[in-house]
Amino acid sequence: MEKRACLECGEPLRGRADQKFCSDYCRNTYNNKVDKDTKNLIRNINNRLKKNYKILSELNTKGKTKVSRTKLYDKGFDFQLFTSIYNTKTGNTYFYVYNQGYLPLENELFLLVKQE
């Protein structure tokens, strides 16, 4: 008979034939190690998207407003991260972070909009 061992700690397994871990602790520890770098990358990007969303929400309380690039930068806004792009028939390009969007205007201004 084949001896089975826990994938995390190596302890012998008793019980079901398809069992891979000796405890919930070992299962969680093992799964947290799998693709750790990828999970960290995704977590960091999601945190930066949340920050961008929070900044746009705080500056755009009325659903539509204009702000300067400096004001966005000062709050830590990252212009490289957004969730979608919307091109209008008139050729304007809106960048969205979930339902909060911005349109680059002249003179370093941005129109902030909220999609309902």
Protein backbone atom coordinates (compact mmCIF):
# COMPACT_ATOMS: atom_id res chain seq x y z
CA MET A 1 0.00 0.00 0.00
CA GLU A 2 1.27 3.44 -0.95
CA LYS A 3 2.04 5.86 1.87
CA ARG A 4 0.53 9.29 1.30
CA ALA A 5 1.95 12.47 2.83
CA CYS A 6 0.66 16.02 3.38
CA LEU A 7 1.80 18.30 0.53
CA GLU A 8 2.76 21.03 3.02
CA CYS A 9 4.34 19.38 6.06
CA GLY A 10 4.93 15.79 4.90
CA GLU A 11 2.98 14.18 7.74
CA PRO A 12 1.32 10.83 6.87
CA LEU A 13 -2.30 11.16 5.75
CA ARG A 14 -5.15 9.11 7.16
CA GLY A 15 -8.65 9.11 5.79
CA ARG A 16 -10.00 9.74 2.31
CA ALA A 17 -8.03 8.47 -0.66
CA ASP A 18 -8.06 11.89 -2.36
CA GLN A 19 -6.90 13.79 0.73
CA LYS A 20 -3.85 16.03 0.11
CA PHE A 21 -3.39 17.87 3.42
CA CYS A 22 -3.43 16.83 7.06
CA SER A 23 -5.21 20.00 8.27
CA ASP A 24 -6.87 23.24 7.19
CA TYR A 25 -3.75 25.07 8.36
CA CYS A 26 -1.52 23.10 5.95
CA ARG A 27 -4.02 23.51 3.10
CA ASN A 28 -4.18 27.29 3.60
CA THR A 29 -0.40 27.63 3.97
CA TYR A 30 0.22 25.63 0.79
CA ASN A 31 -2.35 27.56 -1.26
CA ASN A 32 -1.02 30.91 -0.04
CA LYS A 33 2.43 29.97 -1.39
CA VAL A 34 1.09 28.99 -4.83
CA ASP A 35 1.51 31.84 -7.36
CA LYS A 36 2.57 34.20 -4.57
CA ASP A 37 4.21 36.67 -6.98
CA THR A 38 1.17 36.80 -9.26
CA LYS A 39 -1.16 37.31 -6.32
CA ASN A 40 1.01 40.17 -5.03
CA LEU A 41 1.05 41.85 -8.45
CA ILE A 42 -2.74 41.65 -8.72
CA ARG A 43 -3.20 42.87 -5.14
CA ASN A 44 -0.90 45.86 -5.76
CA ILE A 45 -2.66 46.84 -8.99
CA ASN A 46 -6.08 46.51 -7.35
CA ASN A 47 -4.93 48.72 -4.47
CA ARG A 48 -3.71 51.38 -6.90
CA LEU A 49 -7.01 51.21 -8.84
CA LYS A 50 -8.91 51.65 -5.56
CA LYS A 51 -6.76 54.68 -4.76
CA ASN A 52 -7.48 56.20 -8.19
CA TYR A 53 -11.20 55.52 -7.72
CA LYS A 54 -11.18 57.13 -4.27
CA ILE A 55 -9.40 60.24 -5.60
CA LEU A 56 -11.87 60.66 -8.48
CA SER A 57 -14.84 60.11 -6.13
CA GLU A 58 -13.59 62.68 -3.62
CA LEU A 59 -12.97 65.33 -6.28
CA ASN A 60 -16.18 64.67 -8.21
CA THR A 61 -18.98 65.00 -5.66
CA LYS A 62 -21.53 66.51 -8.08
CA GLY A 63 -21.22 64.01 -10.93
CA LYS A 64 -19.34 66.39 -13.22
CA THR A 65 -16.52 68.80 -12.43
CA LYS A 66 -13.19 70.15 -13.72
CA VAL A 67 -9.86 69.76 -11.94
CA SER A 68 -6.23 70.44 -12.75
CA ARG A 69 -3.60 67.80 -13.45
CA THR A 70 -1.64 69.16 -10.48
CA LYS A 71 -4.51 68.50 -8.10
CA LEU A 72 -4.77 64.89 -9.29
CA TYR A 73 -0.99 64.37 -9.06
CA ASP A 74 -0.84 65.92 -5.59
CA LYS A 75 -3.38 63.38 -4.35
CA GLY A 76 -1.34 60.53 -5.86
CA PHE A 77 -3.43 59.77 -8.95
CA ASP A 78 -1.80 57.27 -11.37
CA PHE A 79 -2.76 58.10 -14.97
CA GLN A 80 -1.45 54.75 -16.23
CA LEU A 81 -4.08 52.73 -14.37
CA PHE A 82 -7.72 52.68 -15.45
CA THR A 83 -10.31 49.98 -16.08
CA SER A 84 -11.79 51.05 -19.43
CA ILE A 85 -11.71 53.59 -22.25
CA TYR A 86 -14.75 55.15 -23.94
CA ASN A 87 -14.41 56.89 -27.31
CA THR A 88 -17.25 59.25 -28.26
CA LYS A 89 -18.54 59.89 -31.78
CA THR A 90 -16.96 63.35 -31.60
CA GLY A 91 -13.52 61.84 -31.00
CA ASN A 92 -13.19 62.44 -27.26
CA THR A 93 -11.55 59.70 -25.20
CA TYR A 94 -12.78 59.16 -21.64
CA PHE A 95 -10.73 57.04 -19.25
CA TYR A 96 -12.69 55.21 -16.54
CA VAL A 97 -11.83 53.71 -13.19
CA TYR A 98 -14.97 51.63 -12.72
CA ASN A 99 -17.77 54.23 -12.97
CA GLN A 100 -15.61 57.31 -12.33
CA GLY A 101 -14.17 58.80 -15.51
CA TYR A 102 -12.01 61.66 -16.70
CA LEU A 103 -11.52 63.45 -20.01
CA PRO A 104 -8.27 65.31 -20.69
CA LEU A 105 -8.99 68.93 -21.69
CA GLU A 106 -6.82 71.85 -22.72
CA ASN A 107 -4.52 73.72 -20.32
CA GLU A 108 -3.79 70.68 -18.11
CA LEU A 109 -7.44 70.41 -17.02
CA PHE A 110 -9.56 67.30 -16.71
CA LEU A 111 -13.31 66.89 -16.80
CA LEU A 112 -14.37 64.36 -14.15
CA VAL A 113 -17.61 62.50 -14.81
CA LYS A 114 -19.56 59.79 -13.04
CA GLN A 115 -21.32 57.13 -15.05
CA GLU A 116 -24.72 56.30 -13.61
